Protein backbone atom coordinates (compact mmCIF):
# COMPACT_ATOMS: atom_id res chain seq x y z
CA MET A 1 13.99 -160.11 110.54
CA LEU A 2 10.68 -158.29 110.06
CA LYS A 3 12.05 -156.63 106.93
CA SER A 4 13.05 -159.95 105.35
CA ARG A 5 9.58 -161.42 106.00
CA PHE A 6 8.04 -158.37 104.35
CA VAL A 7 10.30 -158.80 101.30
CA VAL A 8 9.39 -162.51 101.04
CA ALA A 9 5.66 -161.74 101.35
CA CYS A 10 5.92 -159.07 98.63
CA ALA A 11 7.80 -161.47 96.37
CA LEU A 12 5.10 -164.13 96.84
CA VAL A 13 2.32 -161.64 96.07
CA LEU A 14 4.18 -160.43 92.97
CA ALA A 15 4.71 -164.02 91.78
CA GLY A 16 1.00 -164.72 92.24
CA LEU A 17 0.02 -161.62 90.28
CA LEU A 18 2.41 -162.52 87.45
CA ALA A 19 1.01 -166.05 87.30
CA ALA A 20 -2.58 -164.73 87.19
CA ALA A 21 -1.69 -162.26 84.43
CA SER A 22 0.01 -165.02 82.45
CA MET A 23 -3.07 -167.26 82.75
CA ALA A 24 -5.34 -164.39 81.65
CA ARG A 25 -3.20 -163.82 78.55
CA ALA A 26 -3.27 -167.55 77.73
CA ASP A 27 -7.07 -167.63 78.02
CA ALA A 28 -7.42 -164.51 75.87
CA ALA A 29 -5.51 -166.30 73.11
CA HIS A 30 -8.38 -168.79 72.91
CA ILE A 31 -11.09 -166.21 72.24
CA ASN A 32 -12.01 -165.37 68.66
CA TYR A 33 -14.56 -162.78 67.62
CA LEU A 34 -16.51 -164.06 64.63
CA THR A 35 -18.95 -162.02 62.58
CA PHE A 36 -21.75 -163.82 60.77
CA SER A 37 -23.60 -162.09 57.94
CA ALA A 38 -26.60 -164.42 58.20
CA PRO A 39 -28.32 -166.46 60.93
CA PHE A 40 -26.54 -169.64 62.04
CA ALA A 41 -27.12 -172.48 64.49
CA LEU A 42 -25.30 -174.27 67.27
CA PRO A 43 -26.66 -177.32 69.12
CA GLY A 44 -29.96 -176.24 70.64
CA VAL A 45 -29.83 -172.58 69.59
CA SER A 46 -30.24 -170.44 66.47
CA LEU A 47 -28.56 -167.04 66.48
CA PRO A 48 -29.07 -163.99 64.28
CA ALA A 49 -26.35 -162.38 62.19
CA GLY A 50 -23.85 -160.49 64.30
CA THR A 51 -20.50 -160.69 66.08
CA TYR A 52 -19.97 -163.36 68.71
CA ALA A 53 -17.11 -164.36 71.01
CA PHE A 54 -16.10 -168.02 70.59
CA GLU A 55 -14.02 -169.12 73.56
CA ALA A 56 -12.27 -172.35 74.51
CA VAL A 57 -12.92 -172.59 78.25
CA ALA A 58 -10.00 -174.31 80.01
CA PRO A 59 -8.21 -175.05 76.71
CA GLY A 60 -6.79 -178.51 76.29
CA SER A 61 -8.55 -180.15 79.19
CA HIS A 62 -12.24 -180.63 78.48
CA ASP A 63 -12.87 -178.97 75.12
CA VAL A 64 -15.67 -176.82 76.50
CA VAL A 65 -16.67 -174.01 74.15
CA ARG A 66 -18.63 -170.93 75.17
CA VAL A 67 -20.28 -168.62 72.63
CA SER A 68 -21.33 -165.25 73.96
CA SER A 69 -22.11 -161.72 72.89
CA ARG A 70 -19.10 -159.72 71.78
CA ASP A 71 -18.88 -157.98 75.15
CA GLY A 72 -19.34 -161.26 77.04
CA SER A 73 -22.44 -160.06 78.87
CA ARG A 74 -24.71 -162.81 77.49
CA VAL A 75 -23.83 -166.49 77.02
CA TYR A 76 -25.75 -168.17 74.20
CA PHE A 77 -24.08 -171.58 74.19
CA MET A 78 -21.71 -173.58 76.40
CA ALA A 79 -21.06 -177.29 76.00
CA PHE A 80 -18.48 -180.00 75.54
CA THR A 81 -17.12 -180.41 72.02
CA THR A 82 -15.07 -183.07 70.31
CA PRO A 83 -11.46 -182.29 69.38
CA VAL A 84 -10.95 -182.34 65.62
CA ASP A 85 -7.90 -181.74 63.41
CA ARG A 86 -8.01 -178.89 60.91
CA PRO A 87 -8.82 -180.45 57.50
CA ARG A 88 -6.03 -180.41 54.95
CA GLY A 89 -6.41 -177.52 52.59
CA LEU A 90 -8.48 -175.43 55.03
CA ARG A 91 -6.84 -172.00 55.10
CA ALA A 92 -5.36 -170.90 58.43
CA ASP A 93 -7.69 -167.89 58.51
CA HIS A 94 -10.79 -170.05 57.90
CA GLN A 95 -12.32 -170.52 61.35
CA VAL A 96 -15.75 -172.08 60.86
CA VAL A 97 -17.03 -175.07 58.91
CA PHE A 98 -20.78 -175.49 58.45
CA ASN A 99 -22.95 -178.61 58.09
CA GLU A 100 -25.24 -178.84 55.09
CA VAL A 101 -28.87 -177.89 55.62
CA GLN A 102 -32.08 -177.49 53.65
CA ALA A 103 -32.63 -174.15 51.93
CA GLY A 104 -34.14 -171.51 54.19
CA MET A 105 -32.73 -172.96 57.43
CA ALA A 106 -29.90 -171.48 59.50
CA PRO A 107 -26.75 -173.50 58.74
CA PRO A 108 -25.37 -175.30 61.80
CA VAL A 109 -21.72 -174.72 62.68
CA LYS A 110 -19.97 -178.08 62.39
CA ALA A 111 -16.61 -177.00 63.82
CA TRP A 112 -14.70 -173.96 65.02
CA PHE A 113 -10.95 -173.69 64.48
CA PRO A 114 -9.31 -171.01 66.65
CA ILE A 115 -6.94 -168.69 64.81
CA GLY A 116 -3.49 -170.23 64.46
CA GLU A 117 -4.51 -173.63 65.87
CA LYS A 118 -4.07 -176.95 64.07
CA ALA A 119 -6.95 -178.48 65.99
CA GLY A 120 -10.46 -177.26 66.58
CA HIS A 121 -13.73 -178.01 68.30
CA GLU A 122 -16.46 -180.05 66.63
CA PHE A 123 -19.95 -179.34 67.96
CA VAL A 124 -22.04 -182.34 69.03
CA TYR A 125 -25.57 -182.32 67.65
CA PRO A 126 -28.28 -184.74 68.76
CA ALA A 127 -28.87 -187.60 66.36
CA SER A 128 -31.73 -186.84 64.01
CA ARG A 129 -34.79 -188.96 64.57
CA THR A 130 -35.93 -191.22 61.79
CA SER A 131 -39.45 -192.48 61.33
CA ARG A 132 -39.97 -196.17 62.01
């Protein structure tokens, strides 16, 4: 009897470990490492040229995107985004679309499309203020 309980407990632990490993692999599929050759902007932050990790946190549920250093040690941006379909004609390997900006300013990222995904994440910028 003791032996059968031990076998059941081991099976449950193994099932839990397999489920955790599966979830880790699914999350890793939603991380893309993007290298920018010039400064760029996200809502509320401007970042220098470099390589950044773009990650869909809890994919499919809240459309939260986190942008961090390549090694993940520093988070530069994390916020809700709006789901957006990949525009027709946008190549599958094209991951970022920029908004237009005046010359000399860091272009803001309009949307990020994870590799192999038909939908992406549109960043929400505050409405620009107009003079009255």
